[in-house]
mmCIF file of all heavy atoms, coordinates in Angstrom:
data_MODEL
# 
_entry.id   MODEL 
# 
loop_
_atom_site.group_PDB 
_atom_site.id 
_atom_site.type_symbol 
_atom_site.label_atom_id 
_atom_site.label_alt_id 
_atom_site.label_comp_id 
_atom_site.label_asym_id 
_atom_site.label_entity_id 
_atom_site.label_seq_id 
_atom_site.pdbx_PDB_ins_code 
_atom_site.Cartn_x 
_atom_site.Cartn_y 
_atom_site.Cartn_z 
_atom_site.occupancy 
_atom_site.B_iso_or_equiv 
_atom_site.pdbx_formal_charge 
_atom_site.auth_seq_id 
_atom_site.auth_comp_id 
_atom_site.auth_asym_id 
_atom_site.auth_atom_id 
_atom_site.pdbx_PDB_model_num 
ATOM 1   N N   . ALA A 1 1  ? 93.486  89.320 106.918 1.00 0.00 ? 1  ALA A N   1 
ATOM 2   C CA  . ALA A 1 1  ? 94.377  88.195 107.225 1.00 0.00 ? 1  ALA A CA  1 
ATOM 3   C C   . ALA A 1 1  ? 94.113  87.508 108.575 1.00 0.00 ? 1  ALA A C   1 
ATOM 4   O O   . ALA A 1 1  ? 94.361  86.330 108.668 1.00 0.00 ? 1  ALA A O   1 
ATOM 5   C CB  . ALA A 1 1  ? 95.837  88.765 107.209 1.00 0.00 ? 1  ALA A CB  1 
ATOM 6   N N   . VAL A 1 2  ? 93.598  88.242 109.593 1.00 0.00 ? 2  VAL A N   1 
ATOM 7   C CA  . VAL A 1 2  ? 93.338  87.700 110.900 1.00 0.00 ? 2  VAL A CA  1 
ATOM 8   C C   . VAL A 1 2  ? 92.229  86.572 110.684 1.00 0.00 ? 2  VAL A C   1 
ATOM 9   O O   . VAL A 1 2  ? 92.309  85.573 111.283 1.00 0.00 ? 2  VAL A O   1 
ATOM 10  C CB  . VAL A 1 2  ? 92.916  88.756 111.898 1.00 0.00 ? 2  VAL A CB  1 
ATOM 11  C CG1 . VAL A 1 2  ? 92.402  88.084 113.139 1.00 0.00 ? 2  VAL A CG1 1 
ATOM 12  C CG2 . VAL A 1 2  ? 94.033  89.702 112.108 1.00 0.00 ? 2  VAL A CG2 1 
ATOM 13  N N   . GLU A 1 3  ? 91.153  86.978 109.903 1.00 0.00 ? 3  GLU A N   1 
ATOM 14  C CA  . GLU A 1 3  ? 90.018  85.949 109.717 1.00 0.00 ? 3  GLU A CA  1 
ATOM 15  C C   . GLU A 1 3  ? 90.427  84.787 109.033 1.00 0.00 ? 3  GLU A C   1 
ATOM 16  O O   . GLU A 1 3  ? 90.087  83.712 109.260 1.00 0.00 ? 3  GLU A O   1 
ATOM 17  C CB  . GLU A 1 3  ? 88.931  86.692 109.156 1.00 0.00 ? 3  GLU A CB  1 
ATOM 18  C CG  . GLU A 1 3  ? 88.308  87.700 110.091 1.00 0.00 ? 3  GLU A CG  1 
ATOM 19  C CD  . GLU A 1 3  ? 87.969  87.280 111.509 1.00 0.00 ? 3  GLU A CD  1 
ATOM 20  O OE1 . GLU A 1 3  ? 87.426  86.210 111.668 1.00 0.00 ? 3  GLU A OE1 1 
ATOM 21  O OE2 . GLU A 1 3  ? 88.312  88.137 112.509 1.00 0.00 ? 3  GLU A OE2 1 
ATOM 22  N N   . LEU A 1 4  ? 91.208  85.046 107.865 1.00 0.00 ? 4  LEU A N   1 
ATOM 23  C CA  . LEU A 1 4  ? 91.714  83.941 107.101 1.00 0.00 ? 4  LEU A CA  1 
ATOM 24  C C   . LEU A 1 4  ? 92.560  82.971 107.892 1.00 0.00 ? 4  LEU A C   1 
ATOM 25  O O   . LEU A 1 4  ? 92.521  81.812 107.708 1.00 0.00 ? 4  LEU A O   1 
ATOM 26  C CB  . LEU A 1 4  ? 92.404  84.439 105.801 1.00 0.00 ? 4  LEU A CB  1 
ATOM 27  C CG  . LEU A 1 4  ? 91.558  85.035 104.815 1.00 0.00 ? 4  LEU A CG  1 
ATOM 28  C CD1 . LEU A 1 4  ? 92.337  85.649 103.683 1.00 0.00 ? 4  LEU A CD1 1 
ATOM 29  C CD2 . LEU A 1 4  ? 90.634  83.934 104.174 1.00 0.00 ? 4  LEU A CD2 1 
ATOM 30  N N   . ALA A 1 5  ? 93.355  83.474 108.723 1.00 0.00 ? 5  ALA A N   1 
ATOM 31  C CA  . ALA A 1 5  ? 94.282  82.676 109.465 1.00 0.00 ? 5  ALA A CA  1 
ATOM 32  C C   . ALA A 1 5  ? 93.612  81.766 110.531 1.00 0.00 ? 5  ALA A C   1 
ATOM 33  O O   . ALA A 1 5  ? 94.128  80.816 111.028 1.00 0.00 ? 5  ALA A O   1 
ATOM 34  C CB  . ALA A 1 5  ? 95.285  83.572 110.322 1.00 0.00 ? 5  ALA A CB  1 
ATOM 35  N N   . LYS A 1 6  ? 92.319  81.996 110.844 1.00 0.00 ? 6  LYS A N   1 
ATOM 36  C CA  . LYS A 1 6  ? 91.508  81.242 111.693 1.00 0.00 ? 6  LYS A CA  1 
ATOM 37  C C   . LYS A 1 6  ? 91.093  79.889 111.134 1.00 0.00 ? 6  LYS A C   1 
ATOM 38  O O   . LYS A 1 6  ? 90.714  78.851 111.761 1.00 0.00 ? 6  LYS A O   1 
ATOM 39  C CB  . LYS A 1 6  ? 90.366  81.947 112.195 1.00 0.00 ? 6  LYS A CB  1 
ATOM 40  C CG  . LYS A 1 6  ? 90.534  83.165 113.032 1.00 0.00 ? 6  LYS A CG  1 
ATOM 41  C CD  . LYS A 1 6  ? 89.282  83.854 113.412 1.00 0.00 ? 6  LYS A CD  1 
ATOM 42  C CE  . LYS A 1 6  ? 89.462  85.041 114.377 1.00 0.00 ? 6  LYS A CE  1 
ATOM 43  N NZ  . LYS A 1 6  ? 88.215  85.644 114.726 1.00 0.00 ? 6  LYS A NZ  1 
ATOM 44  N N   . VAL A 1 7  ? 90.993  79.953 109.827 1.00 0.00 ? 7  VAL A N   1 
ATOM 45  C CA  . VAL A 1 7  ? 90.436  78.838 109.048 1.00 0.00 ? 7  VAL A CA  1 
ATOM 46  C C   . VAL A 1 7  ? 91.476  77.710 108.836 1.00 0.00 ? 7  VAL A C   1 
ATOM 47  O O   . VAL A 1 7  ? 92.618  77.993 108.672 1.00 0.00 ? 7  VAL A O   1 
ATOM 48  C CB  . VAL A 1 7  ? 89.926  79.356 107.689 1.00 0.00 ? 7  VAL A CB  1 
ATOM 49  C CG1 . VAL A 1 7  ? 89.218  78.153 106.853 1.00 0.00 ? 7  VAL A CG1 1 
ATOM 50  C CG2 . VAL A 1 7  ? 88.938  80.449 107.863 1.00 0.00 ? 7  VAL A CG2 1 
ATOM 51  N N   . SER A 1 8  ? 91.016  76.424 108.969 1.00 0.00 ? 8  SER A N   1 
ATOM 52  C CA  . SER A 1 8  ? 91.864  75.383 108.540 1.00 0.00 ? 8  SER A CA  1 
ATOM 53  C C   . SER A 1 8  ? 92.091  75.442 107.009 1.00 0.00 ? 8  SER A C   1 
ATOM 54  O O   . SER A 1 8  ? 91.204  75.109 106.241 1.00 0.00 ? 8  SER A O   1 
ATOM 55  C CB  . SER A 1 8  ? 91.223  74.038 108.942 1.00 0.00 ? 8  SER A CB  1 
ATOM 56  O OG  . SER A 1 8  ? 92.019  72.958 108.532 1.00 0.00 ? 8  SER A OG  1 
ATOM 57  N N   . LEU A 1 9  ? 93.284  75.804 106.624 1.00 0.00 ? 9  LEU A N   1 
ATOM 58  C CA  . LEU A 1 9  ? 93.471  76.171 105.199 1.00 0.00 ? 9  LEU A CA  1 
ATOM 59  C C   . LEU A 1 9  ? 94.013  75.172 104.260 1.00 0.00 ? 9  LEU A C   1 
ATOM 60  O O   . LEU A 1 9  ? 94.213  75.412 103.096 1.00 0.00 ? 9  LEU A O   1 
ATOM 61  C CB  . LEU A 1 9  ? 94.401  77.358 105.206 1.00 0.00 ? 9  LEU A CB  1 
ATOM 62  C CG  . LEU A 1 9  ? 93.892  78.632 105.794 1.00 0.00 ? 9  LEU A CG  1 
ATOM 63  C CD1 . LEU A 1 9  ? 94.992  79.710 105.962 1.00 0.00 ? 9  LEU A CD1 1 
ATOM 64  C CD2 . LEU A 1 9  ? 92.764  79.187 104.979 1.00 0.00 ? 9  LEU A CD2 1 
ATOM 65  N N   . ALA A 1 10 ? 94.197  73.838 104.661 1.00 0.00 ? 10 ALA A N   1 
ATOM 66  C CA  . ALA A 1 10 ? 94.830  72.893 103.761 1.00 0.00 ? 10 ALA A CA  1 
ATOM 67  C C   . ALA A 1 10 ? 93.814  72.593 102.686 1.00 0.00 ? 10 ALA A C   1 
ATOM 68  O O   . ALA A 1 10 ? 92.701  72.081 102.918 1.00 0.00 ? 10 ALA A O   1 
ATOM 69  C CB  . ALA A 1 10 ? 95.136  71.677 104.544 1.00 0.00 ? 10 ALA A CB  1 
ATOM 70  N N   . HIS A 1 11 ? 94.051  72.725 101.391 1.00 0.00 ? 11 HIS A N   1 
ATOM 71  C CA  . HIS A 1 11 ? 93.294  72.450 100.318 1.00 0.00 ? 11 HIS A CA  1 
ATOM 72  C C   . HIS A 1 11 ? 91.962  73.061 100.262 1.00 0.00 ? 11 HIS A C   1 
ATOM 73  O O   . HIS A 1 11 ? 90.988  72.600 99.867  1.00 0.00 ? 11 HIS A O   1 
ATOM 74  C CB  . HIS A 1 11 ? 93.146  70.920 100.151 1.00 0.00 ? 11 HIS A CB  1 
ATOM 75  C CG  . HIS A 1 11 ? 94.491  70.230 99.944  1.00 0.00 ? 11 HIS A CG  1 
ATOM 76  N ND1 . HIS A 1 11 ? 95.071  69.623 101.149 1.00 0.00 ? 11 HIS A ND1 1 
ATOM 77  C CD2 . HIS A 1 11 ? 95.290  69.929 98.882  1.00 0.00 ? 11 HIS A CD2 1 
ATOM 78  C CE1 . HIS A 1 11 ? 96.264  69.040 100.747 1.00 0.00 ? 11 HIS A CE1 1 
ATOM 79  N NE2 . HIS A 1 11 ? 96.307  69.298 99.444  1.00 0.00 ? 11 HIS A NE2 1 
ATOM 80  N N   . HIS A 1 12 ? 91.930  74.302 100.855 1.00 0.00 ? 12 HIS A N   1 
ATOM 81  C CA  . HIS A 1 12 ? 90.660  75.063 100.885 1.00 0.00 ? 12 HIS A CA  1 
ATOM 82  C C   . HIS A 1 12 ? 90.748  76.179 99.886  1.00 0.00 ? 12 HIS A C   1 
ATOM 83  O O   . HIS A 1 12 ? 91.751  76.489 99.374  1.00 0.00 ? 12 HIS A O   1 
ATOM 84  C CB  . HIS A 1 12 ? 90.350  75.538 102.283 1.00 0.00 ? 12 HIS A CB  1 
ATOM 85  C CG  . HIS A 1 12 ? 90.168  74.429 103.228 1.00 0.00 ? 12 HIS A CG  1 
ATOM 86  N ND1 . HIS A 1 12 ? 89.881  74.675 104.564 1.00 0.00 ? 12 HIS A ND1 1 
ATOM 87  C CD2 . HIS A 1 12 ? 90.116  73.025 103.114 1.00 0.00 ? 12 HIS A CD2 1 
ATOM 88  C CE1 . HIS A 1 12 ? 89.741  73.564 105.212 1.00 0.00 ? 12 HIS A CE1 1 
ATOM 89  N NE2 . HIS A 1 12 ? 89.892  72.520 104.317 1.00 0.00 ? 12 HIS A NE2 1 
ATOM 90  N N   . CYS A 1 13 ? 89.626  76.832 99.610  1.00 0.00 ? 13 CYS A N   1 
ATOM 91  C CA  . CYS A 1 13 ? 89.682  77.938 98.582  1.00 0.00 ? 13 CYS A CA  1 
ATOM 92  C C   . CYS A 1 13 ? 88.746  79.107 99.128  1.00 0.00 ? 13 CYS A C   1 
ATOM 93  O O   . CYS A 1 13 ? 87.820  78.938 99.843  1.00 0.00 ? 13 CYS A O   1 
ATOM 94  C CB  . CYS A 1 13 ? 89.235  77.464 97.257  1.00 0.00 ? 13 CYS A CB  1 
ATOM 95  S SG  . CYS A 1 13 ? 87.517  77.089 97.136  1.00 0.00 ? 13 CYS A SG  1 
ATOM 96  N N   . VAL A 1 14 ? 89.192  80.322 98.647  1.00 0.00 ? 14 VAL A N   1 
ATOM 97  C CA  . VAL A 1 14 ? 88.486  81.442 98.861  1.00 0.00 ? 14 VAL A CA  1 
ATOM 98  C C   . VAL A 1 14 ? 88.183  82.209 97.615  1.00 0.00 ? 14 VAL A C   1 
ATOM 99  O O   . VAL A 1 14 ? 89.060  82.467 96.866  1.00 0.00 ? 14 VAL A O   1 
ATOM 100 C CB  . VAL A 1 14 ? 89.266  82.460 99.877  1.00 0.00 ? 14 VAL A CB  1 
ATOM 101 C CG1 . VAL A 1 14 ? 88.517  83.682 100.105 1.00 0.00 ? 14 VAL A CG1 1 
ATOM 102 C CG2 . VAL A 1 14 ? 89.716  81.710 101.140 1.00 0.00 ? 14 VAL A CG2 1 
ATOM 103 N N   . ALA A 1 15 ? 86.894  82.427 97.316  1.00 0.00 ? 15 ALA A N   1 
ATOM 104 C CA  . ALA A 1 15 ? 86.537  83.030 96.041  1.00 0.00 ? 15 ALA A CA  1 
ATOM 105 C C   . ALA A 1 15 ? 86.289  84.442 96.429  1.00 0.00 ? 15 ALA A C   1 
ATOM 106 O O   . ALA A 1 15 ? 85.257  84.729 97.167  1.00 0.00 ? 15 ALA A O   1 
ATOM 107 C CB  . ALA A 1 15 ? 85.333  82.356 95.536  1.00 0.00 ? 15 ALA A CB  1 
ATOM 108 N N   . VAL A 1 16 ? 87.077  85.518 96.032  1.00 0.00 ? 16 VAL A N   1 
ATOM 109 C CA  . VAL A 1 16 ? 86.861  86.789 96.414  1.00 0.00 ? 16 VAL A CA  1 
ATOM 110 C C   . VAL A 1 16 ? 86.707  87.674 95.183  1.00 0.00 ? 16 VAL A C   1 
ATOM 111 O O   . VAL A 1 16 ? 86.498  88.865 95.270  1.00 0.00 ? 16 VAL A O   1 
ATOM 112 C CB  . VAL A 1 16 ? 88.146  87.377 97.194  1.00 0.00 ? 16 VAL A CB  1 
ATOM 113 C CG1 . VAL A 1 16 ? 88.266  86.724 98.473  1.00 0.00 ? 16 VAL A CG1 1 
ATOM 114 C CG2 . VAL A 1 16 ? 89.430  87.220 96.405  1.00 0.00 ? 16 VAL A CG2 1 
ATOM 115 N N   . ALA A 1 17 ? 86.649  87.066 94.054  1.00 0.00 ? 17 ALA A N   1 
ATOM 116 C CA  . ALA A 1 17 ? 86.301  87.850 92.789  1.00 0.00 ? 17 ALA A CA  1 
ATOM 117 C C   . ALA A 1 17 ? 85.708  86.782 91.841  1.00 0.00 ? 17 ALA A C   1 
ATOM 118 O O   . ALA A 1 17 ? 84.986  85.885 92.237  1.00 0.00 ? 17 ALA A O   1 
ATOM 119 C CB  . ALA A 1 17 ? 87.566  88.363 92.199  1.00 0.00 ? 17 ALA A CB  1 
ATOM 120 N N   . ASP A 1 18 ? 85.753  87.085 90.644  1.00 0.00 ? 18 ASP A N   1 
ATOM 121 C CA  . ASP A 1 18 ? 85.075  86.131 89.541  1.00 0.00 ? 18 ASP A CA  1 
ATOM 122 C C   . ASP A 1 18 ? 86.048  84.967 89.338  1.00 0.00 ? 18 ASP A C   1 
ATOM 123 O O   . ASP A 1 18 ? 85.882  84.200 88.411  1.00 0.00 ? 18 ASP A O   1 
ATOM 124 C CB  . ASP A 1 18 ? 84.820  86.861 88.310  1.00 0.00 ? 18 ASP A CB  1 
ATOM 125 C CG  . ASP A 1 18 ? 83.605  87.789 88.474  1.00 0.00 ? 18 ASP A CG  1 
ATOM 126 O OD1 . ASP A 1 18 ? 82.814  87.489 89.325  1.00 0.00 ? 18 ASP A OD1 1 
ATOM 127 O OD2 . ASP A 1 18 ? 83.606  88.889 87.891  1.00 0.00 ? 18 ASP A OD2 1 
ATOM 128 N N   . TRP A 1 19 ? 87.174  84.810 90.063  1.00 0.00 ? 19 TRP A N   1 
ATOM 129 C CA  . TRP A 1 19 ? 88.025  83.665 89.976  1.00 0.00 ? 19 TRP A CA  1 
ATOM 130 C C   . TRP A 1 19 ? 88.188  83.089 91.361  1.00 0.00 ? 19 TRP A C   1 
ATOM 131 O O   . TRP A 1 19 ? 87.838  83.669 92.346  1.00 0.00 ? 19 TRP A O   1 
ATOM 132 C CB  . TRP A 1 19 ? 89.345  84.137 89.390  1.00 0.00 ? 19 TRP A CB  1 
ATOM 133 C CG  . TRP A 1 19 ? 90.187  85.052 90.283  1.00 0.00 ? 19 TRP A CG  1 
ATOM 134 C CD1 . TRP A 1 19 ? 91.088  84.717 91.237  1.00 0.00 ? 19 TRP A CD1 1 
ATOM 135 C CD2 . TRP A 1 19 ? 90.069  86.490 90.311  1.00 0.00 ? 19 TRP A CD2 1 
ATOM 136 N NE1 . TRP A 1 19 ? 91.559  85.876 91.793  1.00 0.00 ? 19 TRP A NE1 1 
ATOM 137 C CE2 . TRP A 1 19 ? 90.988  86.952 91.326  1.00 0.00 ? 19 TRP A CE2 1 
ATOM 138 C CE3 . TRP A 1 19 ? 89.355  87.458 89.591  1.00 0.00 ? 19 TRP A CE3 1 
ATOM 139 C CZ2 . TRP A 1 19 ? 91.160  88.292 91.609  1.00 0.00 ? 19 TRP A CZ2 1 
ATOM 140 C CZ3 . TRP A 1 19 ? 89.516  88.754 89.836  1.00 0.00 ? 19 TRP A CZ3 1 
ATOM 141 C CH2 . TRP A 1 19 ? 90.402  89.186 90.859  1.00 0.00 ? 19 TRP A CH2 1 
ATOM 142 N N   . LEU A 1 20 ? 88.865  81.847 91.488  1.00 0.00 ? 20 LEU A N   1 
ATOM 143 C CA  . LEU A 1 20 ? 89.214  81.210 92.779  1.00 0.00 ? 20 LEU A CA  1 
ATOM 144 C C   . LEU A 1 20 ? 90.518  81.440 93.153  1.00 0.00 ? 20 LEU A C   1 
ATOM 145 O O   . LEU A 1 20 ? 91.505  81.246 92.254  1.00 0.00 ? 20 LEU A O   1 
ATOM 146 C CB  . LEU A 1 20 ? 88.796  79.763 92.633  1.00 0.00 ? 20 LEU A CB  1 
ATOM 147 C CG  . LEU A 1 20 ? 87.307  79.474 92.465  1.00 0.00 ? 20 LEU A CG  1 
ATOM 148 C CD1 . LEU A 1 20 ? 87.155  77.922 92.445  1.00 0.00 ? 20 LEU A CD1 1 
ATOM 149 C CD2 . LEU A 1 20 ? 86.497  79.915 93.741  1.00 0.00 ? 20 LEU A CD2 1 
ATOM 150 N N   . VAL A 1 21 ? 90.729  81.852 94.340  1.00 0.00 ? 21 VAL A N   1 
ATOM 151 C CA  . VAL A 1 21 ? 92.089  81.842 94.916  1.00 0.00 ? 21 VAL A CA  1 
ATOM 152 C C   . VAL A 1 21 ? 92.289  80.765 95.846  1.00 0.00 ? 21 VAL A C   1 
ATOM 153 O O   . VAL A 1 21 ? 91.597  80.660 96.834  1.00 0.00 ? 21 VAL A O   1 
ATOM 154 C CB  . VAL A 1 21 ? 92.272  83.207 95.786  1.00 0.00 ? 21 VAL A CB  1 
ATOM 155 C CG1 . VAL A 1 21 ? 93.715  83.259 96.287  1.00 0.00 ? 21 VAL A CG1 1 
ATOM 156 C CG2 . VAL A 1 21 ? 91.996  84.425 94.830  1.00 0.00 ? 21 VAL A CG2 1 
ATOM 157 N N   . PHE A 1 22 ? 93.024  79.734 95.362  1.00 0.00 ? 22 PHE A N   1 
ATOM 158 C CA  . PHE A 1 22 ? 93.217  78.530 96.225  1.00 0.00 ? 22 PHE A CA  1 
ATOM 159 C C   . PHE A 1 22 ? 94.214  78.737 97.295  1.00 0.00 ? 22 PHE A C   1 
ATOM 160 O O   . PHE A 1 22 ? 95.335  79.255 97.053  1.00 0.00 ? 22 PHE A O   1 
ATOM 161 C CB  . PHE A 1 22 ? 93.639  77.311 95.356  1.00 0.00 ? 22 PHE A CB  1 
ATOM 162 C CG  . PHE A 1 22 ? 92.494  76.866 94.507  1.00 0.00 ? 22 PHE A CG  1 
ATOM 163 C CD1 . PHE A 1 22 ? 92.239  77.343 93.255  1.00 0.00 ? 22 PHE A CD1 1 
ATOM 164 C CD2 . PHE A 1 22 ? 91.685  75.758 95.060  1.00 0.00 ? 22 PHE A CD2 1 
ATOM 165 C CE1 . PHE A 1 22 ? 91.200  76.883 92.537  1.00 0.00 ? 22 PHE A CE1 1 
ATOM 166 C CE2 . PHE A 1 22 ? 90.567  75.412 94.284  1.00 0.00 ? 22 PHE A CE2 1 
ATOM 167 C CZ  . PHE A 1 22 ? 90.398  75.851 93.039  1.00 0.00 ? 22 PHE A CZ  1 
ATOM 168 N N   . VAL A 1 23 ? 93.800  78.599 98.523  1.00 0.00 ? 23 VAL A N   1 
ATOM 169 C CA  . VAL A 1 23 ? 94.523  78.963 99.659  1.00 0.00 ? 23 VAL A CA  1 
ATOM 170 C C   . VAL A 1 23 ? 95.301  77.752 100.282 1.00 0.00 ? 23 VAL A C   1 
ATOM 171 O O   . VAL A 1 23 ? 94.607  76.856 100.868 1.00 0.00 ? 23 VAL A O   1 
ATOM 172 C CB  . VAL A 1 23 ? 93.678  79.670 100.757 1.00 0.00 ? 23 VAL A CB  1 
ATOM 173 C CG1 . VAL A 1 23 ? 94.445  80.085 101.975 1.00 0.00 ? 23 VAL A CG1 1 
ATOM 174 C CG2 . VAL A 1 23 ? 92.907  80.802 100.122 1.00 0.00 ? 23 VAL A CG2 1 
ATOM 175 N N   . GLN A 1 24 ? 96.609  77.823 100.192 1.00 0.00 ? 24 GLN A N   1 
ATOM 176 C CA  . GLN A 1 24 ? 97.433  76.861 100.844 1.00 0.00 ? 24 GLN A CA  1 
ATOM 177 C C   . GLN A 1 24 ? 98.581  77.705 101.317 1.00 0.00 ? 24 GLN A C   1 
ATOM 178 O O   . GLN A 1 24 ? 99.682  77.597 100.801 1.00 0.00 ? 24 GLN A O   1 
ATOM 179 C CB  . GLN A 1 24 ? 97.905  75.734 99.923  1.00 0.00 ? 24 GLN A CB  1 
ATOM 180 C CG  . GLN A 1 24 ? 97.196  74.543 100.075 1.00 0.00 ? 24 GLN A CG  1 
ATOM 181 C CD  . GLN A 1 24 ? 97.873  73.375 99.178  1.00 0.00 ? 24 GLN A CD  1 
ATOM 182 O OE1 . GLN A 1 24 ? 98.045  73.554 98.088  1.00 0.00 ? 24 GLN A OE1 1 
ATOM 183 N NE2 . GLN A 1 24 ? 98.204  72.256 99.728  1.00 0.00 ? 24 GLN A NE2 1 
ATOM 184 N N   . VAL A 1 25 ? 98.460  78.380 102.413 1.00 0.00 ? 25 VAL A N   1 
ATOM 185 C CA  . VAL A 1 25 ? 99.253  79.364 102.875 1.00 0.00 ? 25 VAL A CA  1 
ATOM 186 C C   . VAL A 1 25 ? 99.630  79.367 104.343 1.00 0.00 ? 25 VAL A C   1 
ATOM 187 O O   . VAL A 1 25 ? 98.949  78.787 105.118 1.00 0.00 ? 25 VAL A O   1 
ATOM 188 C CB  . VAL A 1 25 ? 98.930  80.878 102.415 1.00 0.00 ? 25 VAL A CB  1 
ATOM 189 C CG1 . VAL A 1 25 ? 98.762  81.071 100.962 1.00 0.00 ? 25 VAL A CG1 1 
ATOM 190 C CG2 . VAL A 1 25 ? 97.542  81.203 103.229 1.00 0.00 ? 25 VAL A CG2 1 
ATOM 191 N N   . CYS A 1 26 ? 100.729 79.986 104.780 1.00 0.00 ? 26 CYS A N   1 
ATOM 192 C CA  . CYS A 1 26 ? 101.084 79.960 106.133 1.00 0.00 ? 26 CYS A CA  1 
ATOM 193 C C   . CYS A 1 26 ? 100.699 81.415 106.696 1.00 0.00 ? 26 CYS A C   1 
ATOM 194 O O   . CYS A 1 26 ? 100.452 82.321 105.926 1.00 0.00 ? 26 CYS A O   1 
ATOM 195 C CB  . CYS A 1 26 ? 102.521 79.740 106.308 1.00 0.00 ? 26 CYS A CB  1 
ATOM 196 S SG  . CYS A 1 26 ? 103.589 80.922 105.557 1.00 0.00 ? 26 CYS A SG  1 
# 
C-alpha cells in the first residue's frame, strides 16, 4: 500500500495477476 500510494493513481492500472485491477482509489 505504501508504494501504490506514491503513484499518481487517476485512471491508472495495476496488473497483479492475469487480470487488470484498475486503480482509482484513495
